[in-house]
Amino acid sequence: GAFAAGRGTAQAENNSASESAEDSGTDN
């Protein structure tokens, strides 16, 4: 699972980009 979740295309990342900057802790 970690392999599938950790690596993929950038398009897949963009599709899951609903994660907000607030969640990442780096926006501000």
mmCIF file of all heavy atoms, coordinates in Angstrom:
data_MODEL
# 
_entry.id   MODEL 
# 
loop_
_atom_site.group_PDB 
_atom_site.id 
_atom_site.type_symbol 
_atom_site.label_atom_id 
_atom_site.label_alt_id 
_atom_site.label_comp_id 
_atom_site.label_asym_id 
_atom_site.label_entity_id 
_atom_site.label_seq_id 
_atom_site.pdbx_PDB_ins_code 
_atom_site.Cartn_x 
_atom_site.Cartn_y 
_atom_site.Cartn_z 
_atom_site.occupancy 
_atom_site.B_iso_or_equiv 
_atom_site.pdbx_formal_charge 
_atom_site.auth_seq_id 
_atom_site.auth_comp_id 
_atom_site.auth_asym_id 
_atom_site.auth_atom_id 
_atom_site.pdbx_PDB_model_num 
ATOM 1   N N   . GLY A 1 1  ? 0.805  -1.221 0.000   1.00 0.00 ? 1  GLY A N   1 
ATOM 2   C CA  . GLY A 1 1  ? 0.000  0.000  0.000   1.00 0.00 ? 1  GLY A CA  1 
ATOM 3   C C   . GLY A 1 1  ? 0.828  1.256  0.000   1.00 0.00 ? 1  GLY A C   1 
ATOM 4   O O   . GLY A 1 1  ? 0.498  2.242  -0.654  1.00 0.00 ? 1  GLY A O   1 
ATOM 5   N N   . ALA A 1 2  ? 1.940  1.229  0.752   1.00 0.00 ? 2  ALA A N   1 
ATOM 6   C CA  . ALA A 1 2  ? 2.767  2.429  0.819   1.00 0.00 ? 2  ALA A CA  1 
ATOM 7   C C   . ALA A 1 2  ? 3.363  2.744  -0.535  1.00 0.00 ? 2  ALA A C   1 
ATOM 8   O O   . ALA A 1 2  ? 3.550  3.901  -0.893  1.00 0.00 ? 2  ALA A O   1 
ATOM 9   C CB  . ALA A 1 2  ? 3.876  2.237  1.844   1.00 0.00 ? 2  ALA A CB  1 
ATOM 10  N N   . PHE A 1 3  ? 3.685  1.686  -1.289  1.00 0.00 ? 3  PHE A N   1 
ATOM 11  C CA  . PHE A 1 3  ? 4.239  1.908  -2.629  1.00 0.00 ? 3  PHE A CA  1 
ATOM 12  C C   . PHE A 1 3  ? 3.218  2.595  -3.525  1.00 0.00 ? 3  PHE A C   1 
ATOM 13  O O   . PHE A 1 3  ? 3.521  3.564  -4.211  1.00 0.00 ? 3  PHE A O   1 
ATOM 14  C CB  . PHE A 1 3  ? 4.647  0.561  -3.227  1.00 0.00 ? 3  PHE A CB  1 
ATOM 15  C CG  . PHE A 1 3  ? 5.059  0.639  -4.673  1.00 0.00 ? 3  PHE A CG  1 
ATOM 16  C CD1 . PHE A 1 3  ? 6.260  1.216  -5.021  1.00 0.00 ? 3  PHE A CD1 1 
ATOM 17  C CD2 . PHE A 1 3  ? 4.250  0.134  -5.671  1.00 0.00 ? 3  PHE A CD2 1 
ATOM 18  C CE1 . PHE A 1 3  ? 6.662  1.290  -6.344  1.00 0.00 ? 3  PHE A CE1 1 
ATOM 19  C CE2 . PHE A 1 3  ? 4.625  0.207  -6.987  1.00 0.00 ? 3  PHE A CE2 1 
ATOM 20  C CZ  . PHE A 1 3  ? 5.831  0.787  -7.318  1.00 0.00 ? 3  PHE A CZ  1 
ATOM 21  N N   . ALA A 1 4  ? 1.988  2.083  -3.494  1.00 0.00 ? 4  ALA A N   1 
ATOM 22  C CA  . ALA A 1 4  ? 0.947  2.663  -4.346  1.00 0.00 ? 4  ALA A CA  1 
ATOM 23  C C   . ALA A 1 4  ? 0.613  4.075  -3.921  1.00 0.00 ? 4  ALA A C   1 
ATOM 24  O O   . ALA A 1 4  ? 0.369  4.955  -4.744  1.00 0.00 ? 4  ALA A O   1 
ATOM 25  C CB  . ALA A 1 4  ? -0.306 1.787  -4.298  1.00 0.00 ? 4  ALA A CB  1 
ATOM 26  N N   . ALA A 1 5  ? 0.602  4.310  -2.596  1.00 0.00 ? 5  ALA A N   1 
ATOM 27  C CA  . ALA A 1 5  ? 0.250  5.640  -2.106  1.00 0.00 ? 5  ALA A CA  1 
ATOM 28  C C   . ALA A 1 5  ? 1.386  6.618  -2.270  1.00 0.00 ? 5  ALA A C   1 
ATOM 29  O O   . ALA A 1 5  ? 1.181  7.810  -2.480  1.00 0.00 ? 5  ALA A O   1 
ATOM 30  C CB  . ALA A 1 5  ? -0.138 5.551  -0.627  1.00 0.00 ? 5  ALA A CB  1 
ATOM 31  N N   . GLY A 1 6  ? 2.622  6.109  -2.168  1.00 0.00 ? 6  GLY A N   1 
ATOM 32  C CA  . GLY A 1 6  ? 3.766  7.000  -2.184  1.00 0.00 ? 6  GLY A CA  1 
ATOM 33  C C   . GLY A 1 6  ? 4.192  7.442  -3.554  1.00 0.00 ? 6  GLY A C   1 
ATOM 34  O O   . GLY A 1 6  ? 4.737  8.531  -3.718  1.00 0.00 ? 6  GLY A O   1 
ATOM 35  N N   . ARG A 1 7  ? 3.973  6.598  -4.560  1.00 0.00 ? 7  ARG A N   1 
ATOM 36  C CA  . ARG A 1 7  ? 4.440  6.930  -5.894  1.00 0.00 ? 7  ARG A CA  1 
ATOM 37  C C   . ARG A 1 7  ? 3.270  6.919  -6.865  1.00 0.00 ? 7  ARG A C   1 
ATOM 38  O O   . ARG A 1 7  ? 2.386  6.110  -6.791  1.00 0.00 ? 7  ARG A O   1 
ATOM 39  C CB  . ARG A 1 7  ? 5.491  5.916  -6.363  1.00 0.00 ? 7  ARG A CB  1 
ATOM 40  C CG  . ARG A 1 7  ? 6.047  6.236  -7.729  1.00 0.00 ? 7  ARG A CG  1 
ATOM 41  C CD  . ARG A 1 7  ? 7.009  5.164  -8.172  1.00 0.00 ? 7  ARG A CD  1 
ATOM 42  N NE  . ARG A 1 7  ? 8.234  5.177  -7.419  1.00 0.00 ? 7  ARG A NE  1 
ATOM 43  C CZ  . ARG A 1 7  ? 9.253  5.995  -7.663  1.00 0.00 ? 7  ARG A CZ  1 
ATOM 44  N NH1 . ARG A 1 7  ? 9.163  6.909  -8.596  1.00 0.00 ? 7  ARG A NH1 1 
ATOM 45  N NH2 . ARG A 1 7  ? 10.343 5.932  -6.949  1.00 0.00 ? 7  ARG A NH2 1 
ATOM 46  N N   . GLY A 1 8  ? 3.267  7.829  -7.783  1.00 0.00 ? 8  GLY A N   1 
ATOM 47  C CA  . GLY A 1 8  ? 2.224  7.888  -8.795  1.00 0.00 ? 8  GLY A CA  1 
ATOM 48  C C   . GLY A 1 8  ? 2.529  9.019  -9.738  1.00 0.00 ? 8  GLY A C   1 
ATOM 49  O O   . GLY A 1 8  ? 3.582  9.628  -9.688  1.00 0.00 ? 8  GLY A O   1 
ATOM 50  N N   . THR A 1 9  ? 1.627  9.335  -10.608 1.00 0.00 ? 9  THR A N   1 
ATOM 51  C CA  . THR A 1 9  ? 1.847  10.444 -11.525 1.00 0.00 ? 9  THR A CA  1 
ATOM 52  C C   . THR A 1 9  ? 1.471  11.743 -10.870 1.00 0.00 ? 9  THR A C   1 
ATOM 53  O O   . THR A 1 9  ? 0.712  11.791 -9.911  1.00 0.00 ? 9  THR A O   1 
ATOM 54  C CB  . THR A 1 9  ? 0.977  10.258 -12.778 1.00 0.00 ? 9  THR A CB  1 
ATOM 55  O OG1 . THR A 1 9  ? -0.392 10.306 -12.403 1.00 0.00 ? 9  THR A OG1 1 
ATOM 56  C CG2 . THR A 1 9  ? 1.287  8.946  -13.462 1.00 0.00 ? 9  THR A CG2 1 
ATOM 57  N N   . ALA A 1 10 ? 2.007  12.824 -11.409 1.00 0.00 ? 10 ALA A N   1 
ATOM 58  C CA  . ALA A 1 10 ? 1.670  14.133 -10.866 1.00 0.00 ? 10 ALA A CA  1 
ATOM 59  C C   . ALA A 1 10 ? 0.197  14.428 -11.053 1.00 0.00 ? 10 ALA A C   1 
ATOM 60  O O   . ALA A 1 10 ? -0.404 15.157 -10.272 1.00 0.00 ? 10 ALA A O   1 
ATOM 61  C CB  . ALA A 1 10 ? 2.517  15.211 -11.545 1.00 0.00 ? 10 ALA A CB  1 
ATOM 62  N N   . GLN A 1 11 ? -0.408 13.850 -12.101 1.00 0.00 ? 11 GLN A N   1 
ATOM 63  C CA  . GLN A 1 11 ? -1.831 14.078 -12.324 1.00 0.00 ? 11 GLN A CA  1 
ATOM 64  C C   . GLN A 1 11 ? -2.637 13.500 -11.174 1.00 0.00 ? 11 GLN A C   1 
ATOM 65  O O   . GLN A 1 11 ? -3.605 14.094 -10.709 1.00 0.00 ? 11 GLN A O   1 
ATOM 66  C CB  . GLN A 1 11 ? -2.272 13.429 -13.642 1.00 0.00 ? 11 GLN A CB  1 
ATOM 67  C CG  . GLN A 1 11 ? -3.734 13.697 -13.984 1.00 0.00 ? 11 GLN A CG  1 
ATOM 68  C CD  . GLN A 1 11 ? -4.001 15.170 -14.163 1.00 0.00 ? 11 GLN A CD  1 
ATOM 69  O OE1 . GLN A 1 11 ? -3.232 15.861 -14.825 1.00 0.00 ? 11 GLN A OE1 1 
ATOM 70  N NE2 . GLN A 1 11 ? -5.068 15.667 -13.556 1.00 0.00 ? 11 GLN A NE2 1 
ATOM 71  N N   . ALA A 1 12 ? -2.221 12.317 -10.682 1.00 0.00 ? 12 ALA A N   1 
ATOM 72  C CA  . ALA A 1 12 ? -2.912 11.723 -9.549  1.00 0.00 ? 12 ALA A CA  1 
ATOM 73  C C   . ALA A 1 12 ? -2.783 12.603 -8.330  1.00 0.00 ? 12 ALA A C   1 
ATOM 74  O O   . ALA A 1 12 ? -3.698 12.737 -7.532  1.00 0.00 ? 12 ALA A O   1 
ATOM 75  C CB  . ALA A 1 12 ? -2.342 10.334 -9.250  1.00 0.00 ? 12 ALA A CB  1 
ATOM 76  N N   . GLU A 1 13 ? -1.601 13.229 -8.172  1.00 0.00 ? 13 GLU A N   1 
ATOM 77  C CA  . GLU A 1 13 ? -1.404 14.125 -7.038  1.00 0.00 ? 13 GLU A CA  1 
ATOM 78  C C   . GLU A 1 13 ? -2.336 15.317 -7.145  1.00 0.00 ? 13 GLU A C   1 
ATOM 79  O O   . GLU A 1 13 ? -2.930 15.741 -6.164  1.00 0.00 ? 13 GLU A O   1 
ATOM 80  C CB  . GLU A 1 13 ? 0.046  14.591 -7.001  1.00 0.00 ? 13 GLU A CB  1 
ATOM 81  C CG  . GLU A 1 13 ? 0.336  15.549 -5.855  1.00 0.00 ? 13 GLU A CG  1 
ATOM 82  C CD  . GLU A 1 13 ? 1.741  16.084 -5.933  1.00 0.00 ? 13 GLU A CD  1 
ATOM 83  O OE1 . GLU A 1 13 ? 2.372  15.934 -6.984  1.00 0.00 ? 13 GLU A OE1 1 
ATOM 84  O OE2 . GLU A 1 13 ? 2.178  16.670 -4.952  1.00 0.00 ? 13 GLU A OE2 1 
ATOM 85  N N   . ASN A 1 14 ? -2.462 15.858 -8.360  1.00 0.00 ? 14 ASN A N   1 
ATOM 86  C CA  . ASN A 1 14 ? -3.334 17.003 -8.546  1.00 0.00 ? 14 ASN A CA  1 
ATOM 87  C C   . ASN A 1 14 ? -4.779 16.660 -8.235  1.00 0.00 ? 14 ASN A C   1 
ATOM 88  O O   . ASN A 1 14 ? -5.531 17.476 -7.705  1.00 0.00 ? 14 ASN A O   1 
ATOM 89  C CB  . ASN A 1 14 ? -3.228 17.515 -9.988  1.00 0.00 ? 14 ASN A CB  1 
ATOM 90  C CG  . ASN A 1 14 ? -1.868 18.107 -10.277 1.00 0.00 ? 14 ASN A CG  1 
ATOM 91  O OD1 . ASN A 1 14 ? -1.182 18.544 -9.355  1.00 0.00 ? 14 ASN A OD1 1 
ATOM 92  N ND2 . ASN A 1 14 ? -1.452 18.087 -11.527 1.00 0.00 ? 14 ASN A ND2 1 
ATOM 93  N N   . ASN A 1 15 ? -5.183 15.428 -8.565  1.00 0.00 ? 15 ASN A N   1 
ATOM 94  C CA  . ASN A 1 15 ? -6.551 15.023 -8.296  1.00 0.00 ? 15 ASN A CA  1 
ATOM 95  C C   . ASN A 1 15 ? -6.829 14.930 -6.805  1.00 0.00 ? 15 ASN A C   1 
ATOM 96  O O   . ASN A 1 15 ? -7.973 15.045 -6.375  1.00 0.00 ? 15 ASN A O   1 
ATOM 97  C CB  . ASN A 1 15 ? -6.840 13.661 -8.944  1.00 0.00 ? 15 ASN A CB  1 
ATOM 98  C CG  . ASN A 1 15 ? -6.868 13.758 -10.460 1.00 0.00 ? 15 ASN A CG  1 
ATOM 99  O OD1 . ASN A 1 15 ? -7.056 14.842 -11.006 1.00 0.00 ? 15 ASN A OD1 1 
ATOM 100 N ND2 . ASN A 1 15 ? -6.667 12.632 -11.134 1.00 0.00 ? 15 ASN A ND2 1 
ATOM 101 N N   . SER A 1 16 ? -5.765 14.656 -6.020  1.00 0.00 ? 16 SER A N   1 
ATOM 102 C CA  . SER A 1 16 ? -5.952 14.541 -4.581  1.00 0.00 ? 16 SER A CA  1 
ATOM 103 C C   . SER A 1 16 ? -5.497 15.791 -3.854  1.00 0.00 ? 16 SER A C   1 
ATOM 104 O O   . SER A 1 16 ? -5.268 15.779 -2.661  1.00 0.00 ? 16 SER A O   1 
ATOM 105 C CB  . SER A 1 16 ? -5.169 13.333 -4.050  1.00 0.00 ? 16 SER A CB  1 
ATOM 106 O OG  . SER A 1 16 ? -3.790 13.523 -4.275  1.00 0.00 ? 16 SER A OG  1 
ATOM 107 N N   . ALA A 1 17 ? -5.372 16.879 -4.569  1.00 0.00 ? 17 ALA A N   1 
ATOM 108 C CA  . ALA A 1 17 ? -4.816 18.097 -3.980  1.00 0.00 ? 17 ALA A CA  1 
ATOM 109 C C   . ALA A 1 17 ? -5.818 18.861 -3.142  1.00 0.00 ? 17 ALA A C   1 
ATOM 110 O O   . ALA A 1 17 ? -5.617 20.025 -2.854  1.00 0.00 ? 17 ALA A O   1 
ATOM 111 C CB  . ALA A 1 17 ? -4.291 19.015 -5.084  1.00 0.00 ? 17 ALA A CB  1 
ATOM 112 N N   . SER A 1 18 ? -6.879 18.181 -2.723  1.00 0.00 ? 18 SER A N   1 
ATOM 113 C CA  . SER A 1 18 ? -7.835 18.839 -1.849  1.00 0.00 ? 18 SER A CA  1 
ATOM 114 C C   . SER A 1 18 ? -7.256 19.062 -0.467  1.00 0.00 ? 18 SER A C   1 
ATOM 115 O O   . SER A 1 18 ? -7.817 19.791 0.345   1.00 0.00 ? 18 SER A O   1 
ATOM 116 C CB  . SER A 1 18 ? -9.111 18.002 -1.733  1.00 0.00 ? 18 SER A CB  1 
ATOM 117 O OG  . SER A 1 18 ? -8.807 16.707 -1.271  1.00 0.00 ? 18 SER A OG  1 
ATOM 118 N N   . GLU A 1 19 ? -6.116 18.373 -0.180  1.00 0.00 ? 19 GLU A N   1 
ATOM 119 C CA  . GLU A 1 19 ? -5.437 18.626 1.085   1.00 0.00 ? 19 GLU A CA  1 
ATOM 120 C C   . GLU A 1 19 ? -5.032 20.096 1.127   1.00 0.00 ? 19 GLU A C   1 
ATOM 121 O O   . GLU A 1 19 ? -4.355 20.593 0.256   1.00 0.00 ? 19 GLU A O   1 
ATOM 122 C CB  . GLU A 1 19 ? -4.192 17.747 1.204   1.00 0.00 ? 19 GLU A CB  1 
ATOM 123 C CG  . GLU A 1 19 ? -3.393 18.042 2.456   1.00 0.00 ? 19 GLU A CG  1 
ATOM 124 C CD  . GLU A 1 19 ? -2.073 17.337 2.460   1.00 0.00 ? 19 GLU A CD  1 
ATOM 125 O OE1 . GLU A 1 19 ? -1.679 16.839 1.396   1.00 0.00 ? 19 GLU A OE1 1 
ATOM 126 O OE2 . GLU A 1 19 ? -1.450 17.299 3.512   1.00 0.00 ? 19 GLU A OE2 1 
ATOM 127 N N   . SER A 1 20 ? -5.431 20.788 2.159   1.00 0.00 ? 20 SER A N   1 
ATOM 128 C CA  . SER A 1 20 ? -5.194 22.229 2.224   1.00 0.00 ? 20 SER A CA  1 
ATOM 129 C C   . SER A 1 20 ? -3.823 22.533 2.769   1.00 0.00 ? 20 SER A C   1 
ATOM 130 O O   . SER A 1 20 ? -3.167 21.699 3.367   1.00 0.00 ? 20 SER A O   1 
ATOM 131 C CB  . SER A 1 20 ? -6.242 22.880 3.133   1.00 0.00 ? 20 SER A CB  1 
ATOM 132 O OG  . SER A 1 20 ? -6.091 22.436 4.458   1.00 0.00 ? 20 SER A OG  1 
ATOM 133 N N   . ALA A 1 21 ? -3.398 23.773 2.547   1.00 0.00 ? 21 ALA A N   1 
ATOM 134 C CA  . ALA A 1 21 ? -2.115 24.206 3.091   1.00 0.00 ? 21 ALA A CA  1 
ATOM 135 C C   . ALA A 1 21 ? -2.158 24.182 4.599   1.00 0.00 ? 21 ALA A C   1 
ATOM 136 O O   . ALA A 1 21 ? -1.149 23.999 5.262   1.00 0.00 ? 21 ALA A O   1 
ATOM 137 C CB  . ALA A 1 21 ? -1.791 25.610 2.597   1.00 0.00 ? 21 ALA A CB  1 
ATOM 138 N N   . GLU A 1 22 ? -3.329 24.377 5.172   1.00 0.00 ? 22 GLU A N   1 
ATOM 139 C CA  . GLU A 1 22 ? -3.463 24.340 6.620   1.00 0.00 ? 22 GLU A CA  1 
ATOM 140 C C   . GLU A 1 22 ? -3.111 22.960 7.145   1.00 0.00 ? 22 GLU A C   1 
ATOM 141 O O   . GLU A 1 22 ? -2.450 22.813 8.163   1.00 0.00 ? 22 GLU A O   1 
ATOM 142 C CB  . GLU A 1 22 ? -4.894 24.696 7.017   1.00 0.00 ? 22 GLU A CB  1 
ATOM 143 C CG  . GLU A 1 22 ? -5.137 24.718 8.517   1.00 0.00 ? 22 GLU A CG  1 
ATOM 144 C CD  . GLU A 1 22 ? -6.523 25.227 8.849   1.00 0.00 ? 22 GLU A CD  1 
ATOM 145 O OE1 . GLU A 1 22 ? -6.700 26.443 8.833   1.00 0.00 ? 22 GLU A OE1 1 
ATOM 146 O OE2 . GLU A 1 22 ? -7.412 24.421 9.108   1.00 0.00 ? 22 GLU A OE2 1 
ATOM 147 N N   . ASP A 1 23 ? -3.544 21.900 6.421   1.00 0.00 ? 23 ASP A N   1 
ATOM 148 C CA  . ASP A 1 23 ? -3.209 20.545 6.832   1.00 0.00 ? 23 ASP A CA  1 
ATOM 149 C C   . ASP A 1 23 ? -1.709 20.302 6.767   1.00 0.00 ? 23 ASP A C   1 
ATOM 150 O O   . ASP A 1 23 ? -1.145 19.611 7.599   1.00 0.00 ? 23 ASP A O   1 
ATOM 151 C CB  . ASP A 1 23 ? -3.926 19.517 5.954   1.00 0.00 ? 23 ASP A CB  1 
ATOM 152 C CG  . ASP A 1 23 ? -5.423 19.517 6.206   1.00 0.00 ? 23 ASP A CG  1 
ATOM 153 O OD1 . ASP A 1 23 ? -5.808 19.910 7.306   1.00 0.00 ? 23 ASP A OD1 1 
ATOM 154 O OD2 . ASP A 1 23 ? -6.181 19.140 5.300   1.00 0.00 ? 23 ASP A OD2 1 
ATOM 155 N N   . SER A 1 24 ? -1.060 20.850 5.746   1.00 0.00 ? 24 SER A N   1 
ATOM 156 C CA  . SER A 1 24 ? 0.367  20.620 5.597   1.00 0.00 ? 24 SER A CA  1 
ATOM 157 C C   . SER A 1 24 ? 1.177  21.441 6.574   1.00 0.00 ? 24 SER A C   1 
ATOM 158 O O   . SER A 1 24 ? 2.330  21.168 6.823   1.00 0.00 ? 24 SER A O   1 
ATOM 159 C CB  . SER A 1 24 ? 0.817  20.960 4.172   1.00 0.00 ? 24 SER A CB  1 
ATOM 160 O OG  . SER A 1 24 ? 0.732  22.348 3.954   1.00 0.00 ? 24 SER A OG  1 
ATOM 161 N N   . GLY A 1 25 ? 0.549  22.471 7.131   1.00 0.00 ? 25 GLY A N   1 
ATOM 162 C CA  . GLY A 1 25 ? 1.228  23.280 8.126   1.00 0.00 ? 25 GLY A CA  1 
ATOM 163 C C   . GLY A 1 25 ? 2.259  24.217 7.559   1.00 0.00 ? 25 GLY A C   1 
ATOM 164 O O   . GLY A 1 25 ? 3.132  24.676 8.271   1.00 0.00 ? 25 GLY A O   1 
ATOM 165 N N   . THR A 1 26 ? 2.188  24.521 6.269   1.00 0.00 ? 26 THR A N   1 
ATOM 166 C CA  . THR A 1 26 ? 3.237  25.329 5.675   1.00 0.00 ? 26 THR A CA  1 
ATOM 167 C C   . THR A 1 26 ? 2.726  26.519 4.880   1.00 0.00 ? 26 THR A C   1 
ATOM 168 O O   . THR A 1 26 ? 3.500  27.228 4.279   1.00 0.00 ? 26 THR A O   1 
ATOM 169 C CB  . THR A 1 26 ? 4.101  24.469 4.740   1.00 0.00 ? 26 THR A CB  1 
ATOM 170 O OG1 . THR A 1 26 ? 3.251  23.872 3.757   1.00 0.00 ? 26 THR A OG1 1 
ATOM 171 C CG2 . THR A 1 26 ? 4.821  23.386 5.509   1.00 0.00 ? 26 THR A CG2 1 
ATOM 172 N N   . ASP A 1 27 ? 1.433  26.754 4.880   1.00 0.00 ? 27 ASP A N   1 
ATOM 173 C CA  . ASP A 1 27 ? 0.902  27.831 4.059   1.00 0.00 ? 27 ASP A CA  1 
ATOM 174 C C   . ASP A 1 27 ? 1.344  29.197 4.532   1.00 0.00 ? 27 ASP A C   1 
ATOM 175 O O   . ASP A 1 27 ? 1.792  30.029 3.769   1.00 0.00 ? 27 ASP A O   1 
ATOM 176 C CB  . ASP A 1 27 ? -0.637 27.763 4.052   1.00 0.00 ? 27 ASP A CB  1 
ATOM 177 C CG  . ASP A 1 27 ? -1.244 28.888 3.243   1.00 0.00 ? 27 ASP A CG  1 
ATOM 178 O OD1 . ASP A 1 27 ? -0.799 29.094 2.093   1.00 0.00 ? 27 ASP A OD1 1 
ATOM 179 O OD2 . ASP A 1 27 ? -2.134 29.575 3.746   1.00 0.00 ? 27 ASP A OD2 1 
ATOM 180 N N   . ASN A 1 28 ? 1.249  29.416 5.827   1.00 0.00 ? 28 ASN A N   1 
ATOM 181 C CA  . ASN A 1 28 ? 1.592  30.719 6.369   1.00 0.00 ? 28 ASN A CA  1 
ATOM 182 C C   . ASN A 1 28 ? 2.884  30.690 7.165   1.00 0.00 ? 28 ASN A C   1 
ATOM 183 O O   . ASN A 1 28 ? 3.064  31.451 8.103   1.00 0.00 ? 28 ASN A O   1 
ATOM 184 C CB  . ASN A 1 28 ? 0.449  31.230 7.257   1.00 0.00 ? 28 ASN A CB  1 
ATOM 185 C CG  . ASN A 1 28 ? -0.797 31.527 6.450   1.00 0.00 ? 28 ASN A CG  1 
ATOM 186 O OD1 . ASN A 1 28 ? -0.691 32.084 5.374   1.00 0.00 ? 28 ASN A OD1 1 
ATOM 187 N ND2 . ASN A 1 28 ? -1.955 31.140 6.949   1.00 0.00 ? 28 ASN A ND2 1 
# 
